[in-house]
Amino acid sequence: MKYKPGDTVPRSAVYSVEHHSHRLMHAVTLMVDSRFPRCKKCKHNVRFRLLRTVEDRRVLPFHSHVFLEDDVEPERPLANAV
């Protein structure tokens, strides 16, 4: 299963990060109930896939870095224009 920015992280784990053509895949560790971050370059065109779970006590909170940024709100559908 793949996750997108703004989705709730279902379990503390290492996730692969697949960008939309500008960077090779890499990995990030995220905590349960946080939000998947967006990419600073491809924004919401990044996807995450669970690689392996980790114990909550061994996970440091995610912080923005050169490729990913935190504090992502879930995507909301656009309202129909009148």
PDB file of N, CA and C in Angstrom:
ATOM      1  N   MET A   1       0.842  -1.178   0.000  1.00  0.00           N
ATOM      2  CA  MET A   1       0.000   0.000   0.000  1.00  0.00           C
ATOM      3  C   MET A   1       0.890   1.245   0.000  1.00  0.00           C
ATOM      4  N   LYS A   2       0.501   2.246  -0.774  1.00  0.00           N
ATOM      5  CA  LYS A   2       1.253   3.495  -0.826  1.00  0.00           C
ATOM      6  C   LYS A   2       0.456   4.599  -0.132  1.00  0.00           C
ATOM      7  N   TYR A   3       1.199   5.509   0.496  1.00  0.00           N
ATOM      8  CA  TYR A   3       0.605   6.631   1.212  1.00  0.00           C
ATOM      9  C   TYR A   3       1.067   7.930   0.561  1.00  0.00           C
ATOM     10  N   LYS A   4       0.269   8.988   0.720  1.00  0.00           N
ATOM     11  CA  LYS A   4       0.598  10.288   0.135  1.00  0.00           C
ATOM     12  C   LYS A   4       0.722  11.325   1.241  1.00  0.00           C
ATOM     13  N   PRO A   5       1.323  12.482   0.941  1.00  0.00           N
ATOM     14  CA  PRO A   5       1.457  13.533   1.947  1.00  0.00           C
ATOM     15  C   PRO A   5       0.099  13.909   2.552  1.00  0.00           C
ATOM     16  N   GLY A   6       0.089  14.077   3.863  1.00  0.00           N
ATOM     17  CA  GLY A   6      -1.143  14.424   4.569  1.00  0.00           C
ATOM     18  C   GLY A   6      -1.868  13.222   5.140  1.00  0.00           C
ATOM     19  N   ASP A   7      -1.625  12.009   4.595  1.00  0.00           N
ATOM     20  CA  ASP A   7      -2.224  10.803   5.172  1.00  0.00           C
ATOM     21  C   ASP A   7      -1.668  10.600   6.571  1.00  0.00           C
ATOM     22  N   THR A   8      -2.446   9.971   7.436  1.00  0.00           N
ATOM     23  CA  THR A   8      -1.990   9.646   8.778  1.00  0.00           C
ATOM     24  C   THR A   8      -1.096   8.414   8.730  1.00  0.00           C
ATOM     25  N   VAL A   9       0.028   8.480   9.412  1.00  0.00           N
ATOM     26  CA  VAL A   9       0.970   7.357   9.463  1.00  0.00           C
ATOM     27  C   VAL A   9       0.327   6.241  10.288  1.00  0.00           C
ATOM     28  N   PRO A  10       0.105   5.046   9.692  1.00  0.00           N
ATOM     29  CA  PRO A  10      -0.620   3.982  10.384  1.00  0.00           C
ATOM     30  C   PRO A  10       0.178   3.267  11.468  1.00  0.00           C
ATOM     31  N   ARG A  11       1.510   3.259  11.352  1.00  0.00           N
ATOM     32  CA  ARG A  11       2.345   2.622  12.381  1.00  0.00           C
ATOM     33  C   ARG A  11       3.749   3.187  12.311  1.00  0.00           C
ATOM     34  N   SER A  12       4.415   3.189  13.446  1.00  0.00           N
ATOM     35  CA  SER A  12       5.798   3.658  13.474  1.00  0.00           C
ATOM     36  C   SER A  12       6.631   2.693  12.656  1.00  0.00           C
ATOM     37  N   ALA A  13       7.327   3.256  11.649  1.00  0.00           N
ATOM     38  CA  ALA A  13       8.042   2.389  10.722  1.00  0.00           C
ATOM     39  C   ALA A  13       9.021   3.181   9.868  1.00  0.00           C
ATOM     40  N   VAL A  14       9.844   2.424   9.156  1.00  0.00           N
ATOM     41  CA  VAL A  14      10.701   2.993   8.120  1.00  0.00           C
ATOM     42  C   VAL A  14       9.905   2.878   6.826  1.00  0.00           C
ATOM     43  N   TYR A  15       9.768   3.999   6.115  1.00  0.00           N
ATOM     44  CA  TYR A  15       9.022   4.048   4.857  1.00  0.00           C
ATOM     45  C   TYR A  15       9.951   4.439   3.718  1.00  0.00           C
ATOM     46  N   SER A  16       9.768   3.805   2.568  1.00  0.00           N
ATOM     47  CA  SER A  16      10.495   4.252   1.386  1.00  0.00           C
ATOM     48  C   SER A  16       9.804   5.508   0.886  1.00  0.00           C
ATOM     49  N   VAL A  17      10.588   6.427   0.327  1.00  0.00           N
ATOM     50  CA  VAL A  17      10.077   7.693  -0.189  1.00  0.00           C
ATOM     51  C   VAL A  17      10.355   7.704  -1.682  1.00  0.00           C
ATOM     52  N   GLU A  18       9.282   7.765  -2.477  1.00  0.00           N
ATOM     53  CA  GLU A  18       9.406   7.722  -3.929  1.00  0.00           C
ATOM     54  C   GLU A  18       8.970   9.068  -4.503  1.00  0.00           C
ATOM     55  N   HIS A  19       9.945   9.825  -4.997  1.00  0.00           N
ATOM     56  CA  HIS A  19       9.687  11.161  -5.543  1.00  0.00           C
ATOM     57  C   HIS A  19       9.268  11.057  -7.009  1.00  0.00           C
ATOM     58  N   HIS A  20       8.681  12.145  -7.497  1.00  0.00           N
ATOM     59  CA  HIS A  20       8.182  12.196  -8.871  1.00  0.00           C
ATOM     60  C   HIS A  20       9.273  12.586  -9.869  1.00  0.00           C
ATOM     61  N   SER A  21      10.302  11.897 -10.042  1.00  0.00           N
ATOM     62  CA  SER A  21      11.295  12.060 -11.105  1.00  0.00           C
ATOM     63  C   SER A  21      12.502  12.928 -10.795  1.00  0.00           C
ATOM     64  N   HIS A  22      12.575  13.603  -9.676  1.00  0.00           N
ATOM     65  CA  HIS A  22      13.740  14.456  -9.460  1.00  0.00           C
ATOM     66  C   HIS A  22      14.752  13.863  -8.495  1.00  0.00           C
ATOM     67  N   ARG A  23      14.411  12.763  -7.825  1.00  0.00           N
ATOM     68  CA  ARG A  23      15.321  12.183  -6.839  1.00  0.00           C
ATOM     69  C   ARG A  23      15.112  10.681  -6.758  1.00  0.00           C
ATOM     70  N   LEU A  24      16.188   9.964  -6.463  1.00  0.00           N
ATOM     71  CA  LEU A  24      16.079   8.521  -6.269  1.00  0.00           C
ATOM     72  C   LEU A  24      15.357   8.238  -4.954  1.00  0.00           C
ATOM     73  N   MET A  25      14.827   7.019  -4.845  1.00  0.00           N
ATOM     74  CA  MET A  25      14.128   6.591  -3.638  1.00  0.00           C
ATOM     75  C   MET A  25      15.081   6.661  -2.439  1.00  0.00           C
ATOM     76  N   HIS A  26      14.544   7.047  -1.291  1.00  0.00           N
ATOM     77  CA  HIS A  26      15.290   7.021  -0.037  1.00  0.00           C
ATOM     78  C   HIS A  26      14.326   6.581   1.055  1.00  0.00           C
ATOM     79  N   ALA A  27      14.752   6.569   2.292  1.00  0.00           N
ATOM     80  CA  ALA A  27      13.900   6.087   3.388  1.00  0.00           C
ATOM     81  C   ALA A  27      13.804   7.142   4.478  1.00  0.00           C
ATOM     82  N   VAL A  28      12.692   7.092   5.203  1.00  0.00           N
ATOM     83  CA  VAL A  28      12.461   7.987   6.338  1.00  0.00           C
ATOM     84  C   VAL A  28      11.731   7.193   7.409  1.00  0.00           C
ATOM     85  N   THR A  29      12.017   7.487   8.676  1.00  0.00           N
ATOM     86  CA  THR A  29      11.339   6.842   9.788  1.00  0.00           C
ATOM     87  C   THR A  29      10.296   7.809  10.329  1.00  0.00           C
ATOM     88  N   LEU A  30       9.044   7.331  10.444  1.00  0.00           N
ATOM     89  CA  LEU A  30       7.941   8.180  10.894  1.00  0.00           C
ATOM     90  C   LEU A  30       7.192   7.518  12.043  1.00  0.00           C
ATOM     91  N   MET A  31       6.621   8.336  12.914  1.00  0.00           N
ATOM     92  CA  MET A  31       5.886   7.850  14.082  1.00  0.00           C
ATOM     93  C   MET A  31       4.400   7.710  13.787  1.00  0.00           C
ATOM     94  N   VAL A  32       3.784   6.718  14.404  1.00  0.00           N
ATOM     95  CA  VAL A  32       2.356   6.476  14.276  1.00  0.00           C
ATOM     96  C   VAL A  32       1.573   7.747  14.618  1.00  0.00           C
ATOM     97  N   ASP A  33       0.477   7.973  13.907  1.00  0.00           N
ATOM     98  CA  ASP A  33      -0.441   9.095  14.106  1.00  0.00           C
ATOM     99  C   ASP A  33       0.112  10.467  13.702  1.00  0.00           C
ATOM    100  N   SER A  34       1.341  10.510  13.157  1.00  0.00           N
ATOM    101  CA  SER A  34       1.817  11.772  12.588  1.00  0.00           C
ATOM    102  C   SER A  34       1.310  11.817  11.139  1.00  0.00           C
ATOM    103  N   ARG A  35       1.690  12.804  10.374  1.00  0.00           N
ATOM    104  CA  ARG A  35       1.272  12.920   8.974  1.00  0.00           C
ATOM    105  C   ARG A  35       2.465  12.673   8.055  1.00  0.00           C
ATOM    106  N   PHE A  36       2.196  12.029   6.919  1.00  0.00           N
ATOM    107  CA  PHE A  36       3.253  11.867   5.931  1.00  0.00           C
ATOM    108  C   PHE A  36       3.612  13.248   5.395  1.00  0.00           C
ATOM    109  N   PRO A  37       4.915  13.559   5.300  1.00  0.00           N
ATOM    110  CA  PRO A  37       5.335  14.885   4.840  1.00  0.00           C
ATOM    111  C   PRO A  37       5.257  15.021   3.325  1.00  0.00           C
ATOM    112  N   ARG A  38       5.352  16.258   2.841  1.00  0.00           N
ATOM    113  CA  ARG A  38       5.394  16.480   1.395  1.00  0.00           C
ATOM    114  C   ARG A  38       6.836  16.803   1.015  1.00  0.00           C
ATOM    115  N   CYS A  39       7.104  16.713  -0.263  1.00  0.00           N
ATOM    116  CA  CYS A  39       8.431  17.012  -0.788  1.00  0.00           C
ATOM    117  C   CYS A  39       8.531  18.513  -1.039  1.00  0.00           C
ATOM    118  N   LYS A  40       9.676  19.084  -0.751  1.00  0.00           N
ATOM    119  CA  LYS A  40       9.866  20.512  -0.988  1.00  0.00           C
ATOM    120  C   LYS A  40       9.870  20.844  -2.475  1.00  0.00           C
ATOM    121  N   LYS A  41      10.209  19.863  -3.328  1.00  0.00           N
ATOM    122  CA  LYS A  41      10.257  20.129  -4.769  1.00  0.00           C
ATOM    123  C   LYS A  41       9.009  19.619  -5.488  1.00  0.00           C
ATOM    124  N   CYS A  42       8.672  18.348  -5.337  1.00  0.00           N
ATOM    125  CA  CYS A  42       7.532  17.793  -6.079  1.00  0.00           C
ATOM    126  C   CYS A  42       6.234  17.839  -5.277  1.00  0.00           C
ATOM    127  N   LYS A  43       6.271  18.489  -4.112  1.00  0.00           N
ATOM    128  CA  LYS A  43       5.098  18.716  -3.254  1.00  0.00           C
ATOM    129  C   LYS A  43       4.325  17.428  -2.959  1.00  0.00           C
ATOM    130  N   HIS A  44       3.116  17.289  -3.503  1.00  0.00           N
ATOM    131  CA  HIS A  44       2.274  16.125  -3.202  1.00  0.00           C
ATOM    132  C   HIS A  44       2.507  14.959  -4.163  1.00  0.00           C
ATOM    133  N   ASN A  45       3.464  15.084  -5.072  1.00  0.00           N
ATOM    134  CA  ASN A  45       3.781  13.994  -6.006  1.00  0.00           C
ATOM    135  C   ASN A  45       4.873  13.100  -5.449  1.00  0.00           C
ATOM    136  N   VAL A  46       4.776  12.786  -4.190  1.00  0.00           N
ATOM    137  CA  VAL A  46       5.700  11.879  -3.519  1.00  0.00           C
ATOM    138  C   VAL A  46       4.843  10.814  -2.833  1.00  0.00           C
ATOM    139  N   ARG A  47       5.329   9.570  -2.799  1.00  0.00           N
ATOM    140  CA  ARG A  47       4.576   8.475  -2.183  1.00  0.00           C
ATOM    141  C   ARG A  47       5.480   7.722  -1.209  1.00  0.00           C
ATOM    142  N   PHE A  48       4.833   7.098  -0.231  1.00  0.00           N
ATOM    143  CA  PHE A  48       5.528   6.377   0.830  1.00  0.00           C
ATOM    144  C   PHE A  48       5.034   4.937   0.867  1.00  0.00           C
ATOM    145  N   ARG A  49       5.963   4.015   1.125  1.00  0.00           N
ATOM    146  CA  ARG A  49       5.612   2.603   1.223  1.00  0.00           C
ATOM    147  C   ARG A  49       6.326   2.027   2.445  1.00  0.00           C
ATOM    148  N   LEU A  50       5.584   1.287   3.284  1.00  0.00           N
ATOM    149  CA  LEU A  50       6.148   0.717   4.503  1.00  0.00           C
ATOM    150  C   LEU A  50       7.233  -0.301   4.155  1.00  0.00           C
ATOM    151  N   LEU A  51       8.402  -0.150   4.773  1.00  0.00           N
ATOM    152  CA  LEU A  51       9.491  -1.112   4.592  1.00  0.00           C
ATOM    153  C   LEU A  51       9.592  -2.051   5.782  1.00  0.00           C
ATOM    154  N   ARG A  52       9.599  -1.481   7.001  1.00  0.00           N
ATOM    155  CA  ARG A  52       9.644  -2.313   8.207  1.00  0.00           C
ATOM    156  C   ARG A  52       9.192  -1.504   9.406  1.00  0.00           C
ATOM    157  N   THR A  53       8.507  -2.166  10.322  1.00  0.00           N
ATOM    158  CA  THR A  53       8.022  -1.487  11.523  1.00  0.00           C
ATOM    159  C   THR A  53       9.161  -1.341  12.528  1.00  0.00           C
ATOM    160  N   VAL A  54       8.992  -0.387  13.421  1.00  0.00           N
ATOM    161  CA  VAL A  54       9.949  -0.148  14.497  1.00  0.00           C
ATOM    162  C   VAL A  54       9.177   0.085  15.778  1.00  0.00           C
ATOM    163  N   GLU A  55       9.852  -0.069  16.906  1.00  0.00           N
ATOM    164  CA  GLU A  55       9.219   0.189  18.200  1.00  0.00           C
ATOM    165  C   GLU A  55       9.117   1.696  18.402  1.00  0.00           C
ATOM    166  N   ASP A  56       7.975   2.167  18.907  1.00  0.00           N
ATOM    167  CA  ASP A  56       7.752   3.605  19.103  1.00  0.00           C
ATOM    168  C   ASP A  56       8.864   4.266  19.913  1.00  0.00           C
ATOM    169  N   ARG A  57       9.364   3.584  20.910  1.00  0.00           N
ATOM    170  CA  ARG A  57      10.370   4.208  21.772  1.00  0.00           C
ATOM    171  C   ARG A  57      11.706   4.399  21.065  1.00  0.00           C
ATOM    172  N   ARG A  58      11.875   3.804  19.878  1.00  0.00           N
ATOM    173  CA  ARG A  58      13.133   3.925  19.139  1.00  0.00           C
ATOM    174  C   ARG A  58      13.040   4.919  17.985  1.00  0.00           C
ATOM    175  N   VAL A  59      11.921   5.646  17.895  1.00  0.00           N
ATOM    176  CA  VAL A  59      11.717   6.570  16.778  1.00  0.00           C
ATOM    177  C   VAL A  59      11.835   8.009  17.260  1.00  0.00           C
ATOM    178  N   LEU A  60      12.695   8.775  16.610  1.00  0.00           N
ATOM    179  CA  LEU A  60      12.786  10.205  16.908  1.00  0.00           C
ATOM    180  C   LEU A  60      11.738  10.930  16.079  1.00  0.00           C
ATOM    181  N   PRO A  61      11.170  12.009  16.583  1.00  0.00           N
ATOM    182  CA  PRO A  61      10.172  12.759  15.807  1.00  0.00           C
ATOM    183  C   PRO A  61      10.777  13.253  14.496  1.00  0.00           C
ATOM    184  N   PHE A  62       9.962  13.254  13.436  1.00  0.00           N
ATOM    185  CA  PHE A  62      10.404  13.727  12.125  1.00  0.00           C
ATOM    186  C   PHE A  62      10.581  15.238  12.150  1.00  0.00           C
ATOM    187  N   HIS A  63      11.616  15.713  11.492  1.00  0.00           N
ATOM    188  CA  HIS A  63      11.862  17.142  11.327  1.00  0.00           C
ATOM    189  C   HIS A  63      12.133  17.417   9.855  1.00  0.00           C
ATOM    190  N   SER A  64      11.705  18.566   9.383  1.00  0.00           N
ATOM    191  CA  SER A  64      11.968  18.944   7.996  1.00  0.00           C
ATOM    192  C   SER A  64      13.462  18.852   7.713  1.00  0.00           C
ATOM    193  N   HIS A  65      13.785  18.509   6.475  1.00  0.00           N
ATOM    194  CA  HIS A  65      15.181  18.506   6.054  1.00  0.00           C
ATOM    195  C   HIS A  65      15.231  18.930   4.594  1.00  0.00           C
ATOM    196  N   VAL A  66      16.322  18.679   3.930  1.00  0.00           N
ATOM    197  CA  VAL A  66      16.548  19.212   2.588  1.00  0.00           C
ATOM    198  C   VAL A  66      15.488  18.779   1.569  1.00  0.00           C
ATOM    199  N   PHE A  67      14.883  17.587   1.714  1.00  0.00           N
ATOM    200  CA  PHE A  67      13.916  17.110   0.726  1.00  0.00           C
ATOM    201  C   PHE A  67      12.464  17.123   1.193  1.00  0.00           C
ATOM    202  N   LEU A  68      12.217  16.855   2.476  1.00  0.00           N
ATOM    203  CA  LEU A  68      10.847  16.734   2.967  1.00  0.00           C
ATOM    204  C   LEU A  68      10.537  17.808   3.993  1.00  0.00           C
ATOM    205  N   GLU A  69       9.268  18.234   4.028  1.00  0.00           N
ATOM    206  CA  GLU A  69       8.839  19.222   5.005  1.00  0.00           C
ATOM    207  C   GLU A  69       7.622  18.697   5.759  1.00  0.00           C
ATOM    208  N   ASP A  70       7.551  18.992   7.048  1.00  0.00           N
ATOM    209  CA  ASP A  70       6.449  18.480   7.867  1.00  0.00           C
ATOM    210  C   ASP A  70       5.288  19.457   7.929  1.00  0.00           C
ATOM    211  N   ASP A  71       4.377  19.216   8.862  1.00  0.00           N
ATOM    212  CA  ASP A  71       3.178  20.037   9.052  1.00  0.00           C
ATOM    213  C   ASP A  71       2.295  20.064   7.805  1.00  0.00           C
ATOM    214  N   VAL A  72       2.031  18.911   7.265  1.00  0.00           N
ATOM    215  CA  VAL A  72       1.196  18.794   6.076  1.00  0.00           C
ATOM    216  C   VAL A  72      -0.234  18.512   6.497  1.00  0.00           C
ATOM    217  N   GLU A  73      -1.143  19.311   6.008  1.00  0.00           N
ATOM    218  CA  GLU A  73      -2.562  19.068   6.222  1.00  0.00           C
ATOM    219  C   GLU A  73      -3.041  18.047   5.200  1.00  0.00           C
ATOM    220  N   PRO A  74      -4.032  17.224   5.541  1.00  0.00           N
ATOM    221  CA  PRO A  74      -4.581  16.279   4.550  1.00  0.00           C
ATOM    222  C   PRO A  74      -5.138  17.030   3.347  1.00  0.00           C
ATOM    223  N   GLU A  75      -5.016  16.411   2.184  1.00  0.00           N
ATOM    224  CA  GLU A  75      -5.581  17.033   0.982  1.00  0.00           C
ATOM    225  C   GLU A  75      -7.096  17.035   1.082  1.00  0.00           C
ATOM    226  N   ARG A  76      -7.713  18.150   0.705  1.00  0.00           N
ATOM    227  CA  ARG A  76      -9.164  18.252   0.713  1.00  0.00           C
ATOM    228  C   ARG A  76      -9.643  18.356  -0.724  1.00  0.00           C
ATOM    229  N   PRO A  77     -10.771  17.717  -1.027  1.00  0.00           N
ATOM    230  CA  PRO A  77     -11.300  17.846  -2.397  1.00  0.00           C
ATOM    231  C   PRO A  77     -11.673  19.285  -2.696  1.00  0.00           C
ATOM    232  N   LEU A  78     -11.484  19.684  -3.946  1.00  0.00           N
ATOM    233  CA  LEU A  78     -11.855  21.037  -4.353  1.00  0.00           C
ATOM    234  C   LEU A  78     -13.370  21.161  -4.410  1.00  0.00           C
ATOM    235  N   ALA A  79     -13.881  22.287  -3.965  1.00  0.00           N
ATOM    236  CA  ALA A  79     -15.331  22.524  -4.029  1.00  0.00           C
ATOM    237  C   ALA A  79     -15.730  22.797  -5.480  1.00  0.00           C
ATOM    238  N   ASN A  80     -16.921  22.384  -5.826  1.00  0.00           N
ATOM    239  CA  ASN A  80     -17.418  22.640  -7.189  1.00  0.00           C
ATOM    240  C   ASN A  80     -17.625  24.129  -7.393  1.00  0.00           C
ATOM    241  N   ALA A  81     -17.107  24.629  -8.497  1.00  0.00           N
ATOM    242  CA  ALA A  81     -17.267  26.051  -8.798  1.00  0.00           C
ATOM    243  C   ALA A  81     -18.681  26.293  -9.317  1.00  0.00           C
ATOM    244  N   VAL A  82     -19.240  27.426  -8.949  1.00  0.00           N
ATOM    245  CA  VAL A  82     -20.597  27.762  -9.388  1.00  0.00           C
ATOM    246  C   VAL A  82     -20.538  28.590 -10.643  1.00  0.00           C
TER     247      VAL A  82
END
